[in-house]
């Protein structure tokens, strides 16, 4: 059985206005993950809440650290928790 978990990640740096949410959503969908991505009100952060197999979530986190070409990710802070099954797909929240 797969190791299903949930992760909340905050990417900080130049991550707004550079298609970061689209970048995250496309990668999460490609990996078969569920959850959402949204901008934080601080203007220098993006929140990702994702669920799925731990290995695939780790791959998503690796991509968060890189970001799209115009992004300058300074750091990614993660917080792991139990799988909830609350999400049916991966979406961009506005």
C-alpha atoms as a PDB file:
ATOM      1  CA  UNK A   1       0.000   0.000   0.000  1.00  0.00           C
ATOM      2  CA  UNK A   2       1.224   3.492  -0.858  1.00  0.00           C
ATOM      3  CA  UNK A   3       2.447   5.833   1.864  1.00  0.00           C
ATOM      4  CA  UNK A   4      -0.211   8.558   1.558  1.00  0.00           C
ATOM      5  CA  UNK A   5       0.480  11.813   3.391  1.00  0.00           C
ATOM      6  CA  UNK A   6      -0.251  15.531   3.301  1.00  0.00           C
ATOM      7  CA  UNK A   7       2.225  18.397   3.085  1.00  0.00           C
ATOM      8  CA  UNK A   8       1.880  22.147   3.439  1.00  0.00           C
ATOM      9  CA  UNK A   9       4.710  24.039   1.794  1.00  0.00           C
ATOM     10  CA  UNK A  10       5.411  27.755   1.745  1.00  0.00           C
ATOM     11  CA  UNK A  11       7.681  28.960  -1.046  1.00  0.00           C
ATOM     12  CA  UNK A  12       9.221  32.358  -0.364  1.00  0.00           C
ATOM     13  CA  UNK A  13      11.100  34.786  -2.555  1.00  0.00           C
ATOM     14  CA  UNK A  14      10.166  36.114  -5.965  1.00  0.00           C
ATOM     15  CA  UNK A  15       7.285  33.683  -6.457  1.00  0.00           C
ATOM     16  CA  UNK A  16       4.342  35.934  -7.311  1.00  0.00           C
ATOM     17  CA  UNK A  17       3.769  37.375 -10.767  1.00  0.00           C
ATOM     18  CA  UNK A  18       6.063  34.783 -12.388  1.00  0.00           C
ATOM     19  CA  UNK A  19       3.527  31.993 -13.176  1.00  0.00           C
ATOM     20  CA  UNK A  20       4.571  30.076 -10.059  1.00  0.00           C
ATOM     21  CA  UNK A  21       1.042  28.851  -9.257  1.00  0.00           C
ATOM     22  CA  UNK A  22       0.562  27.556 -12.790  1.00  0.00           C
ATOM     23  CA  UNK A  23       3.981  25.861 -12.624  1.00  0.00           C
ATOM     24  CA  UNK A  24       3.046  24.133  -9.338  1.00  0.00           C
ATOM     25  CA  UNK A  25      -0.428  23.090 -10.513  1.00  0.00           C
ATOM     26  CA  UNK A  26       0.880  21.535 -13.719  1.00  0.00           C
ATOM     27  CA  UNK A  27       3.568  19.559 -11.872  1.00  0.00           C
ATOM     28  CA  UNK A  28       1.158  18.425  -9.139  1.00  0.00           C
ATOM     29  CA  UNK A  29      -1.348  17.202 -11.730  1.00  0.00           C
ATOM     30  CA  UNK A  30       1.432  15.415 -13.628  1.00  0.00           C
ATOM     31  CA  UNK A  31       2.394  13.648 -10.380  1.00  0.00           C
ATOM     32  CA  UNK A  32      -1.210  12.676  -9.609  1.00  0.00           C
ATOM     33  CA  UNK A  33      -1.424  14.819  -6.460  1.00  0.00           C
ATOM     34  CA  UNK A  34      -4.458  16.600  -5.022  1.00  0.00           C
ATOM     35  CA  UNK A  35      -4.773  19.897  -3.160  1.00  0.00           C
ATOM     36  CA  UNK A  36      -4.248  23.538  -4.077  1.00  0.00           C
ATOM     37  CA  UNK A  37      -1.775  26.367  -4.556  1.00  0.00           C
ATOM     38  CA  UNK A  38      -2.423  30.027  -3.737  1.00  0.00           C
ATOM     39  CA  UNK A  39      -0.626  33.326  -3.269  1.00  0.00           C
ATOM     40  CA  UNK A  40      -0.121  34.540   0.278  1.00  0.00           C
ATOM     41  CA  UNK A  41      -1.058  38.114   1.134  1.00  0.00           C
ATOM     42  CA  UNK A  42       2.570  38.860   2.037  1.00  0.00           C
ATOM     43  CA  UNK A  43       3.329  39.236  -1.707  1.00  0.00           C
ATOM     44  CA  UNK A  44       6.504  37.174  -1.419  1.00  0.00           C
ATOM     45  CA  UNK A  45       5.029  33.784  -0.649  1.00  0.00           C
ATOM     46  CA  UNK A  46       2.995  30.987  -2.180  1.00  0.00           C
ATOM     47  CA  UNK A  47       1.227  28.279  -0.177  1.00  0.00           C
ATOM     48  CA  UNK A  48       0.913  24.721  -1.446  1.00  0.00           C
ATOM     49  CA  UNK A  49      -1.325  22.163   0.258  1.00  0.00           C
ATOM     50  CA  UNK A  50      -0.883  18.784  -1.415  1.00  0.00           C
ATOM     51  CA  UNK A  51      -1.729  15.159  -0.743  1.00  0.00           C
ATOM     52  CA  UNK A  52      -0.636  11.894  -2.248  1.00  0.00           C
ATOM     53  CA  UNK A  53       2.252   9.459  -2.166  1.00  0.00           C
ATOM     54  CA  UNK A  54       5.190  10.704  -0.092  1.00  0.00           C
ATOM     55  CA  UNK A  55       7.681  10.042  -2.898  1.00  0.00           C
ATOM     56  CA  UNK A  56       5.667  12.146  -5.347  1.00  0.00           C
ATOM     57  CA  UNK A  57       5.232  14.924  -2.803  1.00  0.00           C
ATOM     58  CA  UNK A  58       9.002  14.995  -2.305  1.00  0.00           C
ATOM     59  CA  UNK A  59       9.369  15.361  -6.068  1.00  0.00           C
ATOM     60  CA  UNK A  60       6.931  18.291  -6.027  1.00  0.00           C
ATOM     61  CA  UNK A  61       8.932  19.948  -3.227  1.00  0.00           C
ATOM     62  CA  UNK A  62      12.091  19.610  -5.315  1.00  0.00           C
ATOM     63  CA  UNK A  63      10.319  21.476  -8.126  1.00  0.00           C
ATOM     64  CA  UNK A  64       9.084  24.139  -5.696  1.00  0.00           C
ATOM     65  CA  UNK A  65      12.693  24.880  -4.791  1.00  0.00           C
ATOM     66  CA  UNK A  66      13.501  25.493  -8.474  1.00  0.00           C
ATOM     67  CA  UNK A  67      10.350  27.271  -9.628  1.00  0.00           C
ATOM     68  CA  UNK A  68       9.698  28.538 -13.146  1.00  0.00           C
ATOM     69  CA  UNK A  69      12.435  30.478 -14.993  1.00  0.00           C
ATOM     70  CA  UNK A  70      11.451  33.962 -13.731  1.00  0.00           C
ATOM     71  CA  UNK A  71      11.140  32.902 -10.071  1.00  0.00           C
ATOM     72  CA  UNK A  72      13.825  33.307  -7.432  1.00  0.00           C
ATOM     73  CA  UNK A  73      12.937  30.911  -4.645  1.00  0.00           C
ATOM     74  CA  UNK A  74      14.761  31.797  -1.442  1.00  0.00           C
ATOM     75  CA  UNK A  75      13.381  28.987   0.682  1.00  0.00           C
ATOM     76  CA  UNK A  76      10.643  26.379   0.996  1.00  0.00           C
ATOM     77  CA  UNK A  77       9.265  25.538   4.440  1.00  0.00           C
ATOM     78  CA  UNK A  78       7.355  22.260   4.739  1.00  0.00           C
ATOM     79  CA  UNK A  79       5.026  20.795   7.317  1.00  0.00           C
ATOM     80  CA  UNK A  80       3.931  17.150   7.013  1.00  0.00           C
ATOM     81  CA  UNK A  81       0.697  15.670   8.346  1.00  0.00           C
ATOM     82  CA  UNK A  82      -1.679  12.740   7.944  1.00  0.00           C
ATOM     83  CA  UNK A  83      -3.478  12.164   4.663  1.00  0.00           C
ATOM     84  CA  UNK A  84      -7.003  13.608   4.860  1.00  0.00           C
ATOM     85  CA  UNK A  85      -8.515  12.718   1.481  1.00  0.00           C
ATOM     86  CA  UNK A  86     -10.268  16.112   1.393  1.00  0.00           C
ATOM     87  CA  UNK A  87      -9.226  17.012  -2.160  1.00  0.00           C
ATOM     88  CA  UNK A  88     -10.456  15.475  -5.413  1.00  0.00           C
ATOM     89  CA  UNK A  89      -8.073  17.310  -7.741  1.00  0.00           C
ATOM     90  CA  UNK A  90      -5.338  19.957  -7.704  1.00  0.00           C
ATOM     91  CA  UNK A  91      -6.443  23.545  -8.174  1.00  0.00           C
ATOM     92  CA  UNK A  92      -5.197  27.103  -8.229  1.00  0.00           C
ATOM     93  CA  UNK A  93      -6.984  29.241  -5.631  1.00  0.00           C
ATOM     94  CA  UNK A  94      -7.414  32.932  -6.394  1.00  0.00           C
END
